[in-house]
Amino acid sequence: MALSTGKRAAELAAREQAKIKIVAFVRRYWRAHRYPPTITDIGTALSIHFTTVNRYVNQLVDEGKLERDKGANRSIRLVRRQRILVEAG
């Protein structure tokens, strides 16, 4: 069954909001702990299933908003230009 245009737009908006929350969480977590969060940390804090967090993090990496070392724990980090803003703020 195809989704209506309005419902599809709402789902896309919800996904984008979740990705914005993930970037904000990574920023806050880094400020508080001085090391990156895990997928589980993000999912627990934002009440998002870890597989969904993983998918969104990969999308954010593709969009150039986050960096990540595949297969390494605690490797999710803001891209350099965003780190500068965090450290300055």
PDB file of N, CA and C in Angstrom:
ATOM      1  N   MET A   1       0.842  -1.170   0.000  1.00  0.00           N
ATOM      2  CA  MET A   1       0.000   0.000   0.000  1.00  0.00           C
ATOM      3  C   MET A   1       0.892   1.239   0.000  1.00  0.00           C
ATOM      4  N   ALA A   2       0.611   2.153  -0.864  1.00  0.00           N
ATOM      5  CA  ALA A   2       1.399   3.387  -0.977  1.00  0.00           C
ATOM      6  C   ALA A   2       0.977   4.373   0.100  1.00  0.00           C
ATOM      7  N   LEU A   3       1.955   5.124   0.601  1.00  0.00           N
ATOM      8  CA  LEU A   3       1.672   6.156   1.595  1.00  0.00           C
ATOM      9  C   LEU A   3       1.173   7.411   0.911  1.00  0.00           C
ATOM     10  N   SER A   4       0.288   8.117   1.586  1.00  0.00           N
ATOM     11  CA  SER A   4      -0.159   9.395   1.040  1.00  0.00           C
ATOM     12  C   SER A   4       1.001  10.388   1.087  1.00  0.00           C
ATOM     13  N   THR A   5       0.918  11.411   0.281  1.00  0.00           N
ATOM     14  CA  THR A   5       1.979  12.414   0.215  1.00  0.00           C
ATOM     15  C   THR A   5       2.167  13.075   1.579  1.00  0.00           C
ATOM     16  N   GLY A   6       1.090  13.379   2.263  1.00  0.00           N
ATOM     17  CA  GLY A   6       1.168  14.011   3.582  1.00  0.00           C
ATOM     18  C   GLY A   6       1.826  13.116   4.607  1.00  0.00           C
ATOM     19  N   LYS A   7       1.483  11.847   4.587  1.00  0.00           N
ATOM     20  CA  LYS A   7       2.060  10.903   5.546  1.00  0.00           C
ATOM     21  C   LYS A   7       3.543  10.687   5.252  1.00  0.00           C
ATOM     22  N   ARG A   8       3.890  10.586   3.985  1.00  0.00           N
ATOM     23  CA  ARG A   8       5.297  10.427   3.594  1.00  0.00           C
ATOM     24  C   ARG A   8       6.108  11.642   4.040  1.00  0.00           C
ATOM     25  N   ALA A   9       5.561  12.829   3.846  1.00  0.00           N
ATOM     26  CA  ALA A   9       6.255  14.060   4.259  1.00  0.00           C
ATOM     27  C   ALA A   9       6.436  14.089   5.766  1.00  0.00           C
ATOM     28  N   ALA A  10       5.447  13.643   6.511  1.00  0.00           N
ATOM     29  CA  ALA A  10       5.537  13.611   7.974  1.00  0.00           C
ATOM     30  C   ALA A  10       6.608  12.624   8.431  1.00  0.00           C
ATOM     31  N   GLU A  11       6.675  11.477   7.770  1.00  0.00           N
ATOM     32  CA  GLU A  11       7.694  10.483   8.125  1.00  0.00           C
ATOM     33  C   GLU A  11       9.097  10.998   7.808  1.00  0.00           C
ATOM     34  N   LEU A  12       9.260  11.661   6.675  1.00  0.00           N
ATOM     35  CA  LEU A  12      10.565  12.240   6.332  1.00  0.00           C
ATOM     36  C   LEU A  12      10.961  13.307   7.338  1.00  0.00           C
ATOM     37  N   ALA A  13      10.016  14.131   7.744  1.00  0.00           N
ATOM     38  CA  ALA A  13      10.293  15.175   8.738  1.00  0.00           C
ATOM     39  C   ALA A  13      10.697  14.542  10.068  1.00  0.00           C
ATOM     40  N   ALA A  14      10.030  13.465  10.458  1.00  0.00           N
ATOM     41  CA  ALA A  14      10.368  12.783  11.712  1.00  0.00           C
ATOM     42  C   ALA A  14      11.774  12.193  11.646  1.00  0.00           C
ATOM     43  N   ARG A  15      12.149  11.632  10.508  1.00  0.00           N
ATOM     44  CA  ARG A  15      13.499  11.087  10.347  1.00  0.00           C
ATOM     45  C   ARG A  15      14.549  12.186  10.445  1.00  0.00           C
ATOM     46  N   GLU A  16      14.277  13.303   9.796  1.00  0.00           N
ATOM     47  CA  GLU A  16      15.230  14.423   9.846  1.00  0.00           C
ATOM     48  C   GLU A  16      15.361  14.958  11.264  1.00  0.00           C
ATOM     49  N   GLN A  17      14.255  15.028  11.999  1.00  0.00           N
ATOM     50  CA  GLN A  17      14.308  15.466  13.391  1.00  0.00           C
ATOM     51  C   GLN A  17      15.123  14.500  14.243  1.00  0.00           C
ATOM     52  N   ALA A  18      14.967  13.208  13.998  1.00  0.00           N
ATOM     53  CA  ALA A  18      15.749  12.216  14.739  1.00  0.00           C
ATOM     54  C   ALA A  18      17.235  12.386  14.447  1.00  0.00           C
ATOM     55  N   LYS A  19      17.582  12.647  13.199  1.00  0.00           N
ATOM     56  CA  LYS A  19      18.996  12.842  12.842  1.00  0.00           C
ATOM     57  C   LYS A  19      19.551  14.116  13.488  1.00  0.00           C
ATOM     58  N   ILE A  20      18.749  15.162  13.554  1.00  0.00           N
ATOM     59  CA  ILE A  20      19.176  16.390  14.222  1.00  0.00           C
ATOM     60  C   ILE A  20      19.423  16.108  15.704  1.00  0.00           C
ATOM     61  N   LYS A  21      18.542  15.329  16.319  1.00  0.00           N
ATOM     62  CA  LYS A  21      18.703  14.982  17.740  1.00  0.00           C
ATOM     63  C   LYS A  21      19.962  14.151  17.959  1.00  0.00           C
ATOM     64  N   ILE A  22      20.287  13.277  17.021  1.00  0.00           N
ATOM     65  CA  ILE A  22      21.499  12.459  17.149  1.00  0.00           C
ATOM     66  C   ILE A  22      22.738  13.344  17.118  1.00  0.00           C
ATOM     67  N   VAL A  23      22.800  14.267  16.178  1.00  0.00           N
ATOM     68  CA  VAL A  23      23.963  15.171  16.106  1.00  0.00           C
ATOM     69  C   VAL A  23      24.067  15.989  17.389  1.00  0.00           C
ATOM     70  N   ALA A  24      22.952  16.509  17.871  1.00  0.00           N
ATOM     71  CA  ALA A  24      22.958  17.293  19.106  1.00  0.00           C
ATOM     72  C   ALA A  24      23.408  16.442  20.287  1.00  0.00           C
ATOM     73  N   PHE A  25      22.965  15.179  20.335  1.00  0.00           N
ATOM     74  CA  PHE A  25      23.371  14.294  21.425  1.00  0.00           C
ATOM     75  C   PHE A  25      24.869  14.018  21.372  1.00  0.00           C
ATOM     76  N   VAL A  26      25.384  13.742  20.183  1.00  0.00           N
ATOM     77  CA  VAL A  26      26.825  13.492  20.046  1.00  0.00           C
ATOM     78  C   VAL A  26      27.598  14.706  20.554  1.00  0.00           C
ATOM     79  N   ARG A  27      27.157  15.888  20.221  1.00  0.00           N
ATOM     80  CA  ARG A  27      27.795  17.138  20.668  1.00  0.00           C
ATOM     81  C   ARG A  27      27.753  17.240  22.199  1.00  0.00           C
ATOM     82  N   ARG A  28      26.567  17.051  22.786  1.00  0.00           N
ATOM     83  CA  ARG A  28      26.431  17.141  24.253  1.00  0.00           C
ATOM     84  C   ARG A  28      27.249  16.074  24.956  1.00  0.00           C
ATOM     85  N   TYR A  29      27.208  14.860  24.418  1.00  0.00           N
ATOM     86  CA  TYR A  29      27.933  13.754  25.038  1.00  0.00           C
ATOM     87  C   TYR A  29      29.433  14.041  25.044  1.00  0.00           C
ATOM     88  N   TRP A  30      29.944  14.532  23.922  1.00  0.00           N
ATOM     89  CA  TRP A  30      31.372  14.854  23.834  1.00  0.00           C
ATOM     90  C   TRP A  30      31.735  15.934  24.853  1.00  0.00           C
ATOM     91  N   ARG A  31      30.919  16.961  24.961  1.00  0.00           N
ATOM     92  CA  ARG A  31      31.190  18.033  25.925  1.00  0.00           C
ATOM     93  C   ARG A  31      31.232  17.499  27.354  1.00  0.00           C
ATOM     94  N   ALA A  32      30.331  16.595  27.673  1.00  0.00           N
ATOM     95  CA  ALA A  32      30.235  16.064  29.038  1.00  0.00           C
ATOM     96  C   ALA A  32      31.314  15.046  29.361  1.00  0.00           C
ATOM     97  N   HIS A  33      31.692  14.202  28.394  1.00  0.00           N
ATOM     98  CA  HIS A  33      32.569  13.065  28.674  1.00  0.00           C
ATOM     99  C   HIS A  33      33.952  13.151  28.034  1.00  0.00           C
ATOM    100  N   ARG A  34      34.079  13.959  26.996  1.00  0.00           N
ATOM    101  CA  ARG A  34      35.326  14.095  26.232  1.00  0.00           C
ATOM    102  C   ARG A  34      35.724  12.810  25.502  1.00  0.00           C
ATOM    103  N   TYR A  35      34.743  11.997  25.199  1.00  0.00           N
ATOM    104  CA  TYR A  35      34.910  10.856  24.299  1.00  0.00           C
ATOM    105  C   TYR A  35      33.556  10.592  23.649  1.00  0.00           C
ATOM    106  N   PRO A  36      33.556   9.932  22.497  1.00  0.00           N
ATOM    107  CA  PRO A  36      32.308   9.762  21.736  1.00  0.00           C
ATOM    108  C   PRO A  36      31.355   8.740  22.355  1.00  0.00           C
ATOM    109  N   PRO A  37      30.069   8.892  22.080  1.00  0.00           N
ATOM    110  CA  PRO A  37      29.086   7.904  22.526  1.00  0.00           C
ATOM    111  C   PRO A  37      29.086   6.671  21.626  1.00  0.00           C
ATOM    112  N   THR A  38      28.525   5.597  22.134  1.00  0.00           N
ATOM    113  CA  THR A  38      28.292   4.406  21.317  1.00  0.00           C
ATOM    114  C   THR A  38      26.896   4.510  20.698  1.00  0.00           C
ATOM    115  N   ILE A  39      26.627   3.633  19.761  1.00  0.00           N
ATOM    116  CA  ILE A  39      25.277   3.535  19.184  1.00  0.00           C
ATOM    117  C   ILE A  39      24.270   3.282  20.299  1.00  0.00           C
ATOM    118  N   THR A  40      24.621   2.417  21.241  1.00  0.00           N
ATOM    119  CA  THR A  40      23.734   2.100  22.362  1.00  0.00           C
ATOM    120  C   THR A  40      23.484   3.323  23.232  1.00  0.00           C
ATOM    121  N   ASP A  41      24.530   4.106  23.515  1.00  0.00           N
ATOM    122  CA  ASP A  41      24.358   5.342  24.293  1.00  0.00           C
ATOM    123  C   ASP A  41      23.335   6.259  23.630  1.00  0.00           C
ATOM    124  N   ILE A  42      23.487   6.431  22.326  1.00  0.00           N
ATOM    125  CA  ILE A  42      22.586   7.312  21.580  1.00  0.00           C
ATOM    126  C   ILE A  42      21.159   6.766  21.617  1.00  0.00           C
ATOM    127  N   GLY A  43      21.010   5.488  21.315  1.00  0.00           N
ATOM    128  CA  GLY A  43      19.684   4.878  21.291  1.00  0.00           C
ATOM    129  C   GLY A  43      18.982   4.936  22.636  1.00  0.00           C
ATOM    130  N   THR A  44      19.728   4.669  23.703  1.00  0.00           N
ATOM    131  CA  THR A  44      19.141   4.702  25.040  1.00  0.00           C
ATOM    132  C   THR A  44      18.696   6.117  25.398  1.00  0.00           C
ATOM    133  N   ALA A  45      19.552   7.081  25.141  1.00  0.00           N
ATOM    134  CA  ALA A  45      19.239   8.466  25.491  1.00  0.00           C
ATOM    135  C   ALA A  45      18.058   9.021  24.701  1.00  0.00           C
ATOM    136  N   LEU A  46      17.939   8.626  23.444  1.00  0.00           N
ATOM    137  CA  LEU A  46      16.905   9.182  22.571  1.00  0.00           C
ATOM    138  C   LEU A  46      15.717   8.247  22.364  1.00  0.00           C
ATOM    139  N   SER A  47      15.741   7.090  23.018  1.00  0.00           N
ATOM    140  CA  SER A  47      14.662   6.088  22.879  1.00  0.00           C
ATOM    141  C   SER A  47      14.442   5.694  21.422  1.00  0.00           C
ATOM    142  N   ILE A  48      15.567   5.404  20.748  1.00  0.00           N
ATOM    143  CA  ILE A  48      15.527   4.943  19.363  1.00  0.00           C
ATOM    144  C   ILE A  48      16.232   3.589  19.313  1.00  0.00           C
ATOM    145  N   HIS A  49      15.666   2.627  18.625  1.00  0.00           N
ATOM    146  CA  HIS A  49      16.266   1.299  18.519  1.00  0.00           C
ATOM    147  C   HIS A  49      17.657   1.401  17.902  1.00  0.00           C
ATOM    148  N   PHE A  50      18.582   0.583  18.382  1.00  0.00           N
ATOM    149  CA  PHE A  50      19.976   0.700  17.948  1.00  0.00           C
ATOM    150  C   PHE A  50      20.162   0.500  16.450  1.00  0.00           C
ATOM    151  N   THR A  51      19.351  -0.332  15.825  1.00  0.00           N
ATOM    152  CA  THR A  51      19.509  -0.507  14.378  1.00  0.00           C
ATOM    153  C   THR A  51      19.096   0.759  13.625  1.00  0.00           C
ATOM    154  N   THR A  52      18.085   1.456  14.145  1.00  0.00           N
ATOM    155  CA  THR A  52      17.670   2.715  13.543  1.00  0.00           C
ATOM    156  C   THR A  52      18.741   3.780  13.759  1.00  0.00           C
ATOM    157  N   VAL A  53      19.313   3.830  14.969  1.00  0.00           N
ATOM    158  CA  VAL A  53      20.403   4.762  15.242  1.00  0.00           C
ATOM    159  C   VAL A  53      21.552   4.496  14.278  1.00  0.00           C
ATOM    160  N   ASN A  54      21.902   3.244  14.112  1.00  0.00           N
ATOM    161  CA  ASN A  54      22.999   2.882  13.221  1.00  0.00           C
ATOM    162  C   ASN A  54      22.734   3.363  11.792  1.00  0.00           C
ATOM    163  N   ARG A  55      21.515   3.163  11.313  1.00  0.00           N
ATOM    164  CA  ARG A  55      21.157   3.602   9.959  1.00  0.00           C
ATOM    165  C   ARG A  55      21.261   5.128   9.841  1.00  0.00           C
ATOM    166  N   TYR A  56      20.721   5.843  10.829  1.00  0.00           N
ATOM    167  CA  TYR A  56      20.776   7.304  10.796  1.00  0.00           C
ATOM    168  C   TYR A  56      22.210   7.816  10.904  1.00  0.00           C
ATOM    169  N   VAL A  57      23.014   7.194  11.744  1.00  0.00           N
ATOM    170  CA  VAL A  57      24.423   7.606  11.857  1.00  0.00           C
ATOM    171  C   VAL A  57      25.118   7.407  10.517  1.00  0.00           C
ATOM    172  N   ASN A  58      24.880   6.288   9.867  1.00  0.00           N
ATOM    173  CA  ASN A  58      25.474   6.067   8.540  1.00  0.00           C
ATOM    174  C   ASN A  58      25.016   7.120   7.537  1.00  0.00           C
ATOM    175  N   GLN A  59      23.746   7.509   7.594  1.00  0.00           N
ATOM    176  CA  GLN A  59      23.252   8.563   6.715  1.00  0.00           C
ATOM    177  C   GLN A  59      23.928   9.894   7.029  1.00  0.00           C
ATOM    178  N   LEU A  60      24.112  10.189   8.316  1.00  0.00           N
ATOM    179  CA  LEU A  60      24.774  11.426   8.718  1.00  0.00           C
ATOM    180  C   LEU A  60      26.240  11.442   8.290  1.00  0.00           C
ATOM    181  N   VAL A  61      26.875  10.280   8.292  1.00  0.00           N
ATOM    182  CA  VAL A  61      28.249  10.177   7.776  1.00  0.00           C
ATOM    183  C   VAL A  61      28.236  10.479   6.277  1.00  0.00           C
ATOM    184  N   ASP A  62      27.307   9.886   5.554  1.00  0.00           N
ATOM    185  CA  ASP A  62      27.196  10.132   4.107  1.00  0.00           C
ATOM    186  C   ASP A  62      26.912  11.608   3.808  1.00  0.00           C
ATOM    187  N   GLU A  63      26.180  12.272   4.690  1.00  0.00           N
ATOM    188  CA  GLU A  63      25.846  13.687   4.510  1.00  0.00           C
ATOM    189  C   GLU A  63      26.991  14.609   4.945  1.00  0.00           C
ATOM    190  N   GLY A  64      28.044  14.031   5.542  1.00  0.00           N
ATOM    191  CA  GLY A  64      29.182  14.828   5.979  1.00  0.00           C
ATOM    192  C   GLY A  64      29.008  15.525   7.313  1.00  0.00           C
ATOM    193  N   LYS A  65      28.039  15.079   8.099  1.00  0.00           N
ATOM    194  CA  LYS A  65      27.786  15.714   9.400  1.00  0.00           C
ATOM    195  C   LYS A  65      28.487  14.989  10.546  1.00  0.00           C
ATOM    196  N   LEU A  66      28.715  13.687  10.377  1.00  0.00           N
ATOM    197  CA  LEU A  66      29.431  12.893  11.370  1.00  0.00           C
ATOM    198  C   LEU A  66      30.545  12.118  10.684  1.00  0.00           C
ATOM    199  N   GLU A  67      31.507  11.694  11.491  1.00  0.00           N
ATOM    200  CA  GLU A  67      32.561  10.784  11.037  1.00  0.00           C
ATOM    201  C   GLU A  67      32.468   9.533  11.896  1.00  0.00           C
ATOM    202  N   ARG A  68      32.953   8.424  11.329  1.00  0.00           N
ATOM    203  CA  ARG A  68      32.870   7.156  12.050  1.00  0.00           C
ATOM    204  C   ARG A  68      33.891   6.192  11.498  1.00  0.00           C
ATOM    205  N   ASP A  69      34.543   5.463  12.413  1.00  0.00           N
ATOM    206  CA  ASP A  69      35.434   4.379  12.010  1.00  0.00           C
ATOM    207  C   ASP A  69      34.625   3.092  12.065  1.00  0.00           C
ATOM    208  N   LYS A  70      34.408   2.473  10.917  1.00  0.00           N
ATOM    209  CA  LYS A  70      33.611   1.241  10.868  1.00  0.00           C
ATOM    210  C   LYS A  70      34.209   0.176  11.770  1.00  0.00           C
ATOM    211  N   GLY A  71      33.360  -0.476  12.542  1.00  0.00           N
ATOM    212  CA  GLY A  71      33.774  -1.585  13.391  1.00  0.00           C
ATOM    213  C   GLY A  71      34.438  -1.187  14.696  1.00  0.00           C
ATOM    214  N   ALA A  72      34.569   0.101  14.959  1.00  0.00           N
ATOM    215  CA  ALA A  72      35.209   0.554  16.196  1.00  0.00           C
ATOM    216  C   ALA A  72      34.160   1.174  17.119  1.00  0.00           C
ATOM    217  N   ASN A  73      34.188   0.769  18.376  1.00  0.00           N
ATOM    218  CA  ASN A  73      33.298   1.378  19.362  1.00  0.00           C
ATOM    219  C   ASN A  73      33.759   2.793  19.662  1.00  0.00           C
ATOM    220  N   ARG A  74      32.830   3.629  20.004  1.00  0.00           N
ATOM    221  CA  ARG A  74      33.107   5.015  20.399  1.00  0.00           C
ATOM    222  C   ARG A  74      33.894   5.781  19.341  1.00  0.00           C
ATOM    223  N   SER A  75      33.521   5.578  18.090  1.00  0.00           N
ATOM    224  CA  SER A  75      34.219   6.285  17.010  1.00  0.00           C
ATOM    225  C   SER A  75      33.329   7.310  16.314  1.00  0.00           C
ATOM    226  N   ILE A  76      32.110   7.504  16.808  1.00  0.00           N
ATOM    227  CA  ILE A  76      31.185   8.457  16.200  1.00  0.00           C
ATOM    228  C   ILE A  76      31.568   9.849  16.686  1.00  0.00           C
ATOM    229  N   ARG A  77      31.847  10.732  15.750  1.00  0.00           N
ATOM    230  CA  ARG A  77      32.255  12.073  16.146  1.00  0.00           C
ATOM    231  C   ARG A  77      31.776  13.084  15.116  1.00  0.00           C
ATOM    232  N   LEU A  78      31.710  14.332  15.561  1.00  0.00           N
ATOM    233  CA  LEU A  78      31.350  15.417  14.659  1.00  0.00           C
ATOM    234  C   LEU A  78      32.469  15.614  13.657  1.00  0.00           C
ATOM    235  N   VAL A  79      32.115  16.054  12.469  1.00  0.00           N
ATOM    236  CA  VAL A  79      33.161  16.378  11.494  1.00  0.00           C
ATOM    237  C   VAL A  79      33.951  17.562  12.019  1.00  0.00           C
ATOM    238  N   ARG A  80      35.126  17.769  11.488  1.00  0.00           N
ATOM    239  CA  ARG A  80      36.054  18.772  12.032  1.00  0.00           C
ATOM    240  C   ARG A  80      35.435  20.154  12.203  1.00  0.00           C
ATOM    241  N   ARG A  81      34.714  20.653  11.209  1.00  0.00           N
ATOM    242  CA  ARG A  81      34.173  22.000  11.321  1.00  0.00           C
ATOM    243  C   ARG A  81      33.142  22.085  12.441  1.00  0.00           C
ATOM    244  N   GLN A  82      32.420  21.027  12.718  1.00  0.00           N
ATOM    245  CA  GLN A  82      31.466  21.031  13.815  1.00  0.00           C
ATOM    246  C   GLN A  82      32.179  20.892  15.162  1.00  0.00           C
ATOM    247  N   ARG A  83      33.302  20.163  15.200  1.00  0.00           N
ATOM    248  CA  ARG A  83      34.084  20.053  16.445  1.00  0.00           C
ATOM    249  C   ARG A  83      34.613  21.410  16.848  1.00  0.00           C
ATOM    250  N   ILE A  84      35.045  22.200  15.899  1.00  0.00           N
ATOM    251  CA  ILE A  84      35.555  23.538  16.203  1.00  0.00           C
ATOM    252  C   ILE A  84      34.462  24.371  16.864  1.00  0.00           C
ATOM    253  N   LEU A  85      33.242  24.273  16.352  1.00  0.00           N
ATOM    254  CA  LEU A  85      32.127  25.006  16.945  1.00  0.00           C
ATOM    255  C   LEU A  85      31.846  24.533  18.357  1.00  0.00           C
ATOM    256  N   VAL A  86      31.921  23.239  18.617  1.00  0.00           N
ATOM    257  CA  VAL A  86      31.679  22.691  19.947  1.00  0.00           C
ATOM    258  C   VAL A  86      32.748  23.174  20.925  1.00  0.00           C
ATOM    259  N   GLU A  87      33.995  23.089  20.517  1.00  0.00           N
ATOM    260  CA  GLU A  87      35.093  23.482  21.401  1.00  0.00           C
ATOM    261  C   GLU A  87      35.067  24.975  21.673  1.00  0.00           C
ATOM    262  N   ALA A  88      34.624  25.769  20.713  1.00  0.00           N
ATOM    263  CA  ALA A  88      34.579  27.218  20.888  1.00  0.00           C
ATOM    264  C   ALA A  88      33.379  27.632  21.750  1.00  0.00           C
ATOM    265  N   GLY A  89      32.302  26.819  21.679  1.00  0.00           N
ATOM    266  CA  GLY A  89      31.060  27.167  22.375  1.00  0.00           C
ATOM    267  C   GLY A  89      31.083  26.719  23.762  1.00  0.00           C
TER     268      GLY A  89
END
